[in-house]
C-alpha atoms as a PDB file:
ATOM      1  CA  MET A   1      52.814 112.388  99.169  1.00  0.00           C
ATOM      2  CA  LYS A   2      50.843 114.063 101.916  1.00  0.00           C
ATOM      3  CA  LYS A   3      51.843 114.030 105.539  1.00  0.00           C
ATOM      4  CA  THR A   4      48.543 112.435 106.512  1.00  0.00           C
ATOM      5  CA  VAL A   5      49.726 109.076 105.142  1.00  0.00           C
ATOM      6  CA  LEU A   6      52.749 108.847 107.438  1.00  0.00           C
ATOM      7  CA  LEU A   7      52.879 105.452 109.106  1.00  0.00           C
ATOM      8  CA  TRP A   8      54.871 106.643 112.111  1.00  0.00           C
ATOM      9  CA  MET A   9      54.003 110.253 112.621  1.00  0.00           C
ATOM     10  CA  LEU A  10      53.377 112.665 115.416  1.00  0.00           C
ATOM     11  CA  VAL A  11      49.977 114.245 114.977  1.00  0.00           C
ATOM     12  CA  ALA A  12      49.421 117.857 116.033  1.00  0.00           C
ATOM     13  CA  CYS A  13      45.899 117.072 117.167  1.00  0.00           C
ATOM     14  CA  CYS A  14      44.917 120.454 118.601  1.00  0.00           C
ATOM     15  CA  ALA A  15      44.157 123.622 116.705  1.00  0.00           C
ATOM     16  CA  THR A  16      45.667 125.706 119.536  1.00  0.00           C
ATOM     17  CA  ALA A  17      48.404 123.730 119.004  1.00  0.00           C
ATOM     18  CA  CYS A  18      65.853 125.181 128.561  1.00  0.00           C
ATOM     19  CA  THR A  19      68.363 123.251 129.295  1.00  0.00           C
ATOM     20  CA  GLY A  20      68.066 120.762 132.130  1.00  0.00           C
ATOM     21  CA  ASN A  21      64.275 120.631 132.301  1.00  0.00           C
ATOM     22  CA  ARG A  22      63.029 118.453 135.191  1.00  0.00           C
ATOM     23  CA  GLN A  23      59.691 117.590 136.741  1.00  0.00           C
ATOM     24  CA  LYS A  24      58.957 119.558 139.853  1.00  0.00           C
ATOM     25  CA  LYS A  25      59.932 118.091 143.153  1.00  0.00           C
ATOM     26  CA  GLY A  26      56.947 116.355 144.722  1.00  0.00           C
ATOM     27  CA  ASP A  27      55.649 115.151 141.358  1.00  0.00           C
ATOM     28  CA  ALA A  28      58.333 112.888 139.816  1.00  0.00           C
ATOM     29  CA  GLU A  29      61.693 114.569 140.116  1.00  0.00           C
ATOM     30  CA  GLN A  30      64.149 112.836 137.815  1.00  0.00           C
ATOM     31  CA  THR A  31      67.406 112.321 139.716  1.00  0.00           C
ATOM     32  CA  SER A  32      68.142 108.895 138.271  1.00  0.00           C
ATOM     33  CA  GLY A  33      67.981 107.182 134.926  1.00  0.00           C
ATOM     34  CA  THR A  34      70.267 106.341 132.080  1.00  0.00           C
ATOM     35  CA  LEU A  35      72.024 109.166 130.246  1.00  0.00           C
ATOM     36  CA  ALA A  36      72.651 109.151 126.511  1.00  0.00           C
ATOM     37  CA  GLN A  37      74.722 111.675 124.612  1.00  0.00           C
ATOM     38  CA  VAL A  38      73.536 112.493 121.118  1.00  0.00           C
ATOM     39  CA  GLU A  39      76.076 113.986 118.711  1.00  0.00           C
ATOM     40  CA  THR A  40      74.496 115.710 115.710  1.00  0.00           C
ATOM     41  CA  SER A  41      75.703 117.784 112.787  1.00  0.00           C
ATOM     42  CA  LEU A  42      74.582 120.875 114.728  1.00  0.00           C
ATOM     43  CA  GLY A  43      76.050 119.977 118.098  1.00  0.00           C
ATOM     44  CA  LYS A  44      75.601 117.665 121.085  1.00  0.00           C
ATOM     45  CA  PHE A  45      72.818 117.204 123.629  1.00  0.00           C
ATOM     46  CA  THR A  46      72.222 114.751 126.487  1.00  0.00           C
ATOM     47  CA  LEU A  47      69.092 112.770 127.219  1.00  0.00           C
ATOM     48  CA  ARG A  48      67.969 111.214 130.479  1.00  0.00           C
ATOM     49  CA  LEU A  49      65.864 108.042 130.014  1.00  0.00           C
ATOM     50  CA  TYR A  50      63.294 107.645 132.733  1.00  0.00           C
ATOM     51  CA  ASP A  51      63.341 104.559 134.940  1.00  0.00           C
ATOM     52  CA  GLU A  52      59.583 104.975 135.271  1.00  0.00           C
ATOM     53  CA  THR A  53      59.130 103.885 131.649  1.00  0.00           C
ATOM     54  CA  PRO A  54      61.296 100.740 131.614  1.00  0.00           C
ATOM     55  CA  VAL A  55      60.068  99.276 128.314  1.00  0.00           C
ATOM     56  CA  HIS A  56      60.909 102.431 126.323  1.00  0.00           C
ATOM     57  CA  ARG A  57      64.104 102.966 128.289  1.00  0.00           C
ATOM     58  CA  ASP A  58      65.411  99.458 127.659  1.00  0.00           C
ATOM     59  CA  ASN A  59      64.445  99.570 123.987  1.00  0.00           C
ATOM     60  CA  PHE A  60      66.283 102.877 123.464  1.00  0.00           C
ATOM     61  CA  ILE A  61      69.369 101.516 125.259  1.00  0.00           C
ATOM     62  CA  LYS A  62      69.300  98.413 123.065  1.00  0.00           C
ATOM     63  CA  LEU A  63      69.118 100.495 119.879  1.00  0.00           C
ATOM     64  CA  VAL A  64      71.924 102.753 121.058  1.00  0.00           C
ATOM     65  CA  LYS A  65      74.180  99.748 121.774  1.00  0.00           C
ATOM     66  CA  GLU A  66      73.399  98.390 118.320  1.00  0.00           C
ATOM     67  CA  GLY A  67      74.318 101.738 116.713  1.00  0.00           C
ATOM     68  CA  PHE A  68      70.828 102.007 115.212  1.00  0.00           C
ATOM     69  CA  TYR A  69      70.545 105.780 115.565  1.00  0.00           C
ATOM     70  CA  ASP A  70      74.041 106.523 114.187  1.00  0.00           C
ATOM     71  CA  SER A  71      73.566 108.401 110.879  1.00  0.00           C
ATOM     72  CA  VAL A  72      69.769 108.820 110.973  1.00  0.00           C
ATOM     73  CA  LEU A  73      68.301 112.202 110.065  1.00  0.00           C
ATOM     74  CA  PHE A  74      65.938 114.490 111.874  1.00  0.00           C
ATOM     75  CA  HIS A  75      63.396 113.959 109.135  1.00  0.00           C
ATOM     76  CA  ARG A  76      60.540 116.034 110.521  1.00  0.00           C
ATOM     77  CA  VAL A  77      60.957 119.453 112.141  1.00  0.00           C
ATOM     78  CA  ILE A  78      58.173 121.861 113.094  1.00  0.00           C
ATOM     79  CA  LYS A  79      59.069 125.127 114.781  1.00  0.00           C
ATOM     80  CA  ASP A  80      57.409 125.741 118.143  1.00  0.00           C
ATOM     81  CA  PHE A  81      56.364 122.076 118.242  1.00  0.00           C
ATOM     82  CA  MET A  82      58.985 119.322 117.976  1.00  0.00           C
ATOM     83  CA  VAL A  83      61.895 117.653 116.121  1.00  0.00           C
ATOM     84  CA  GLN A  84      61.574 114.007 115.074  1.00  0.00           C
ATOM     85  CA  ALA A  85      64.043 111.261 114.125  1.00  0.00           C
ATOM     86  CA  GLY A  86      64.431 107.483 114.035  1.00  0.00           C
ATOM     87  CA  ASP A  87      63.425 106.477 110.501  1.00  0.00           C
ATOM     88  CA  PRO A  88      66.047 103.898 109.398  1.00  0.00           C
ATOM     89  CA  GLU A  89      65.453 104.740 105.751  1.00  0.00           C
ATOM     90  CA  SER A  90      66.777 108.248 106.372  1.00  0.00           C
ATOM     91  CA  LYS A  91      70.352 107.069 106.764  1.00  0.00           C
ATOM     92  CA  ASN A  92      70.936 106.821 103.013  1.00  0.00           C
ATOM     93  CA  ALA A  93      67.993 108.853 101.648  1.00  0.00           C
ATOM     94  CA  ASP A  94      68.490 111.334  98.846  1.00  0.00           C
ATOM     95  CA  ASP A  95      67.515 114.939  99.273  1.00  0.00           C
ATOM     96  CA  THR A  96      64.124 114.533  97.619  1.00  0.00           C
ATOM     97  CA  CYS A  97      63.003 111.394  99.439  1.00  0.00           C
ATOM     98  CA  PHE A  98      59.837 111.626 101.546  1.00  0.00           C
ATOM     99  CA  LEU A  99      60.725 110.248 104.991  1.00  0.00           C
ATOM    100  CA  GLY A 100      58.863 108.994 108.043  1.00  0.00           C
ATOM    101  CA  LEU A 101      57.184 105.921 106.548  1.00  0.00           C
ATOM    102  CA  THR A 102      59.502 103.257 107.954  1.00  0.00           C
ATOM    103  CA  ASP A 103      60.252 101.906 111.363  1.00  0.00           C
ATOM    104  CA  ILE A 104      62.328  99.186 112.988  1.00  0.00           C
ATOM    105  CA  GLY A 105      59.451  96.692 112.589  1.00  0.00           C
ATOM    106  CA  TYR A 106      57.894  96.363 116.039  1.00  0.00           C
ATOM    107  CA  ALA A 107      55.821  98.470 118.438  1.00  0.00           C
ATOM    108  CA  LEU A 108      56.073  99.082 122.185  1.00  0.00           C
ATOM    109  CA  PRO A 109      53.162  99.088 124.668  1.00  0.00           C
ATOM    110  CA  ALA A 110      52.181 102.560 125.841  1.00  0.00           C
ATOM    111  CA  GLU A 111      53.614 103.656 129.215  1.00  0.00           C
ATOM    112  CA  PHE A 112      51.513 106.689 130.010  1.00  0.00           C
ATOM    113  CA  ARG A 113      52.147 108.415 133.344  1.00  0.00           C
ATOM    114  CA  PRO A 114      50.462 111.659 134.429  1.00  0.00           C
ATOM    115  CA  ASP A 115      53.688 112.857 136.062  1.00  0.00           C
ATOM    116  CA  LEU A 116      55.644 112.506 132.808  1.00  0.00           C
ATOM    117  CA  PHE A 117      54.323 115.045 130.313  1.00  0.00           C
ATOM    118  CA  HIS A 118      55.157 117.029 127.183  1.00  0.00           C
ATOM    119  CA  LYS A 119      57.051 119.952 128.680  1.00  0.00           C
ATOM    120  CA  LYS A 120      59.760 121.609 126.678  1.00  0.00           C
ATOM    121  CA  GLY A 121      62.649 119.190 126.215  1.00  0.00           C
ATOM    122  CA  ALA A 122      60.549 116.058 126.734  1.00  0.00           C
ATOM    123  CA  LEU A 123      61.596 112.939 124.824  1.00  0.00           C
ATOM    124  CA  ALA A 124      58.631 110.877 123.554  1.00  0.00           C
ATOM    125  CA  ALA A 125      57.812 108.075 121.149  1.00  0.00           C
ATOM    126  CA  ALA A 126      56.085 108.633 117.826  1.00  0.00           C
ATOM    127  CA  ARG A 127      53.362 106.187 116.812  1.00  0.00           C
ATOM    128  CA  GLN A 128      50.684 105.296 114.292  1.00  0.00           C
ATOM    129  CA  GLY A 129      47.347 107.098 114.485  1.00  0.00           C
ATOM    130  CA  ASP A 130      44.409 105.980 116.666  1.00  0.00           C
ATOM    131  CA  ASP A 131      42.453 104.725 113.677  1.00  0.00           C
ATOM    132  CA  VAL A 132      44.901 101.846 113.157  1.00  0.00           C
ATOM    133  CA  ASN A 133      46.494 101.892 116.610  1.00  0.00           C
ATOM    134  CA  PRO A 134      43.721 102.089 119.240  1.00  0.00           C
ATOM    135  CA  LYS A 135      46.087 100.979 122.043  1.00  0.00           C
ATOM    136  CA  ARG A 136      48.389 103.890 121.155  1.00  0.00           C
ATOM    137  CA  GLU A 137      51.432 101.637 120.987  1.00  0.00           C
ATOM    138  CA  SER A 138      54.741 103.404 120.326  1.00  0.00           C
ATOM    139  CA  SER A 139      57.044 103.121 117.376  1.00  0.00           C
ATOM    140  CA  GLY A 140      59.986 100.901 118.131  1.00  0.00           C
ATOM    141  CA  SER A 141      62.464 103.506 116.861  1.00  0.00           C
ATOM    142  CA  GLN A 142      60.948 106.872 115.937  1.00  0.00           C
ATOM    143  CA  PHE A 143      61.062 109.525 118.647  1.00  0.00           C
ATOM    144  CA  TYR A 144      60.568 113.248 118.997  1.00  0.00           C
ATOM    145  CA  ILE A 145      61.779 116.010 121.315  1.00  0.00           C
ATOM    146  CA  VAL A 146      59.335 118.713 122.275  1.00  0.00           C
ATOM    147  CA  THR A 147      60.150 122.361 121.746  1.00  0.00           C
ATOM    148  CA  GLY A 148      56.596 123.715 121.902  1.00  0.00           C
ATOM    149  CA  ARG A 149      55.487 127.117 123.090  1.00  0.00           C
ATOM    150  CA  ARG A 150      54.184 128.748 126.281  1.00  0.00           C
ATOM    151  CA  TYR A 151      50.492 128.480 127.039  1.00  0.00           C
ATOM    152  CA  SER A 152      48.271 130.696 129.152  1.00  0.00           C
ATOM    153  CA  ARG A 153      46.090 129.260 131.914  1.00  0.00           C
ATOM    154  CA  GLY A 154      43.102 130.112 129.791  1.00  0.00           C
ATOM    155  CA  GLU A 155      44.450 128.116 126.837  1.00  0.00           C
ATOM    156  CA  LEU A 156      45.079 125.139 129.125  1.00  0.00           C
ATOM    157  CA  HIS A 157      41.549 125.424 130.443  1.00  0.00           C
ATOM    158  CA  ASP A 158      40.246 125.354 126.889  1.00  0.00           C
ATOM    159  CA  LEU A 159      42.288 122.243 126.176  1.00  0.00           C
ATOM    160  CA  GLU A 160      40.771 120.576 129.217  1.00  0.00           C
ATOM    161  CA  LYS A 161      37.268 121.417 127.958  1.00  0.00           C
ATOM    162  CA  GLN A 162      38.080 119.993 124.517  1.00  0.00           C
ATOM    163  CA  ARG A 163      39.388 116.779 126.009  1.00  0.00           C
ATOM    164  CA  ASN A 164      36.405 116.427 128.324  1.00  0.00           C
ATOM    165  CA  THR A 165      33.921 117.069 125.531  1.00  0.00           C
ATOM    166  CA  ALA A 166      35.389 114.071 123.710  1.00  0.00           C
ATOM    167  CA  LEU A 167      34.845 111.991 126.872  1.00  0.00           C
ATOM    168  CA  THR A 168      31.132 112.742 127.291  1.00  0.00           C
ATOM    169  CA  ASP A 169      30.111 109.411 125.781  1.00  0.00           C
ATOM    170  CA  ASN A 170      32.073 107.512 128.402  1.00  0.00           C
ATOM    171  CA  LEU A 171      30.734 108.459 131.815  1.00  0.00           C
ATOM    172  CA  LYS A 172      33.160 106.060 133.515  1.00  0.00           C
ATOM    173  CA  THR A 173      36.146 108.126 132.421  1.00  0.00           C
ATOM    174  CA  PRO A 174      37.090 110.786 134.954  1.00  0.00           C
ATOM    175  CA  PRO A 175      37.354 114.384 133.716  1.00  0.00           C
ATOM    176  CA  PHE A 176      40.722 115.364 132.282  1.00  0.00           C
ATOM    177  CA  ARG A 177      42.625 117.943 134.353  1.00  0.00           C
ATOM    178  CA  PHE A 178      46.143 119.343 134.090  1.00  0.00           C
ATOM    179  CA  SER A 179      48.111 119.009 137.334  1.00  0.00           C
ATOM    180  CA  GLU A 180      49.696 122.044 138.986  1.00  0.00           C
ATOM    181  CA  ALA A 181      53.084 120.765 137.830  1.00  0.00           C
ATOM    182  CA  GLN A 182      51.847 120.649 134.239  1.00  0.00           C
ATOM    183  CA  ILE A 183      50.318 124.088 134.464  1.00  0.00           C
ATOM    184  CA  GLU A 184      53.495 125.628 135.886  1.00  0.00           C
ATOM    185  CA  ALA A 185      55.658 123.931 133.217  1.00  0.00           C
ATOM    186  CA  TYR A 186      53.422 124.897 130.292  1.00  0.00           C
ATOM    187  CA  THR A 187      52.958 128.497 131.395  1.00  0.00           C
ATOM    188  CA  SER A 188      56.636 129.124 132.268  1.00  0.00           C
ATOM    189  CA  GLN A 189      58.739 126.792 130.007  1.00  0.00           C
ATOM    190  CA  GLY A 190      56.243 125.758 127.357  1.00  0.00           C
ATOM    191  CA  GLY A 191      55.609 122.449 125.678  1.00  0.00           C
ATOM    192  CA  ALA A 192      52.918 120.518 123.822  1.00  0.00           C
ATOM    193  CA  PRO A 193      50.119 119.868 126.354  1.00  0.00           C
ATOM    194  CA  HIS A 194      47.622 118.554 123.803  1.00  0.00           C
ATOM    195  CA  LEU A 195      49.783 115.372 123.426  1.00  0.00           C
ATOM    196  CA  ASP A 196      49.609 114.344 127.094  1.00  0.00           C
ATOM    197  CA  GLY A 197      48.116 110.931 127.653  1.00  0.00           C
ATOM    198  CA  ARG A 198      48.333 110.194 123.922  1.00  0.00           C
ATOM    199  CA  TYR A 199      52.030 109.636 123.331  1.00  0.00           C
ATOM    200  CA  THR A 200      54.515 108.029 125.747  1.00  0.00           C
ATOM    201  CA  VAL A 201      57.033 110.409 127.308  1.00  0.00           C
ATOM    202  CA  PHE A 202      60.128 108.430 128.324  1.00  0.00           C
ATOM    203  CA  GLY A 203      62.875 110.938 128.904  1.00  0.00           C
ATOM    204  CA  GLU A 204      64.054 114.526 128.640  1.00  0.00           C
ATOM    205  CA  VAL A 205      66.905 116.741 127.467  1.00  0.00           C
ATOM    206  CA  VAL A 206      69.141 117.519 130.446  1.00  0.00           C
ATOM    207  CA  ASN A 207      71.891 119.333 128.557  1.00  0.00           C
ATOM    208  CA  GLY A 208      72.152 120.955 125.165  1.00  0.00           C
ATOM    209  CA  MET A 209      68.616 122.245 124.668  1.00  0.00           C
ATOM    210  CA  ASP A 210      70.172 125.039 122.595  1.00  0.00           C
ATOM    211  CA  VAL A 211      71.114 122.403 120.022  1.00  0.00           C
ATOM    212  CA  ILE A 212      67.470 121.279 119.807  1.00  0.00           C
ATOM    213  CA  GLU A 213      66.481 124.904 119.283  1.00  0.00           C
ATOM    214  CA  LYS A 214      69.011 125.174 116.443  1.00  0.00           C
ATOM    215  CA  ILE A 215      67.459 122.077 114.857  1.00  0.00           C
ATOM    216  CA  GLU A 216      63.916 123.384 115.123  1.00  0.00           C
ATOM    217  CA  ALA A 217      64.945 126.685 113.523  1.00  0.00           C
ATOM    218  CA  VAL A 218      66.310 125.162 110.285  1.00  0.00           C
ATOM    219  CA  GLU A 219      64.576 125.766 106.959  1.00  0.00           C
ATOM    220  CA  THR A 220      62.160 122.987 105.971  1.00  0.00           C
ATOM    221  CA  ASN A 221      60.273 121.963 102.840  1.00  0.00           C
ATOM    222  CA  ASP A 222      56.511 121.394 102.505  1.00  0.00           C
ATOM    223  CA  ASP A 223      56.860 117.985 104.144  1.00  0.00           C
ATOM    224  CA  ASP A 224      58.581 119.471 107.223  1.00  0.00           C
ATOM    225  CA  ARG A 225      61.882 117.863 106.251  1.00  0.00           C
ATOM    226  CA  PRO A 226      64.964 120.077 106.741  1.00  0.00           C
ATOM    227  CA  VAL A 227      66.230 121.445 103.434  1.00  0.00           C
ATOM    228  CA  SER A 228      69.808 120.824 104.611  1.00  0.00           C
ATOM    229  CA  ASN A 229      70.169 117.476 106.355  1.00  0.00           C
ATOM    230  CA  VAL A 230      70.468 117.446 110.132  1.00  0.00           C
ATOM    231  CA  ARG A 231      72.064 114.123 110.990  1.00  0.00           C
ATOM    232  CA  ILE A 232      72.588 112.194 114.212  1.00  0.00           C
ATOM    233  CA  LEU A 233      76.256 111.233 113.969  1.00  0.00           C
ATOM    234  CA  LYS A 234      76.439 109.023 117.050  1.00  0.00           C
ATOM    235  CA  VAL A 235      74.519 108.175 120.204  1.00  0.00           C
ATOM    236  CA  SER A 236      76.487 106.932 123.212  1.00  0.00           C
ATOM    237  CA  LEU A 237      75.466 105.826 126.681  1.00  0.00           C
ATOM    238  CA  VAL A 238      77.054 107.963 129.430  1.00  0.00           C
ATOM    239  CA  PRO A 239      78.752 105.905 132.173  1.00  0.00           C
END
């Protein structure tokens, strides 16, 4: 089955497709928010859930308390892009099963914020494609963590031009521009800038980014599923 039929997938929609990452002070510095520790078969990392995206935050907290994420796999891994998990069918899937088609059964309204973007370490919600999901509502359970790559200022300028070309039919829409905080993050740390404003970012890795890098480096098959399972053993809220 081809990846293009995924119901809840993250689309790399552009051809030019650190531990403790934070937004720059003066933009939306994250000094508060709920912490969640994720124990995986390759180590532990800690997430901060943003208070600025309360719908996604509260949903993630609910699922953690219910033990929903315990035993799910990272079913989709793309080096220099992201690692994805949250398919409930992955808990008991055999090694040949194609994953990513199932979800918890409900969607969340988008919570886009220009100050929360796809820098390296960002936590965001996967979703269905625009053709069947014009409101860009998020999956109720599938999420991804950005690894990405560094971009030059020239590449970011080209991305702006591509986005603005797509907006030419709607003169009421202001031109798309990356903020200085975005430019600094993407040129120094890296990330996935082509996803900004298209998928909801609702948290970030604040400890254990080296574990995410281990996950993104594993061998995968033609469907981007790790050849050897990478499993979330347990997710716990940090007091």
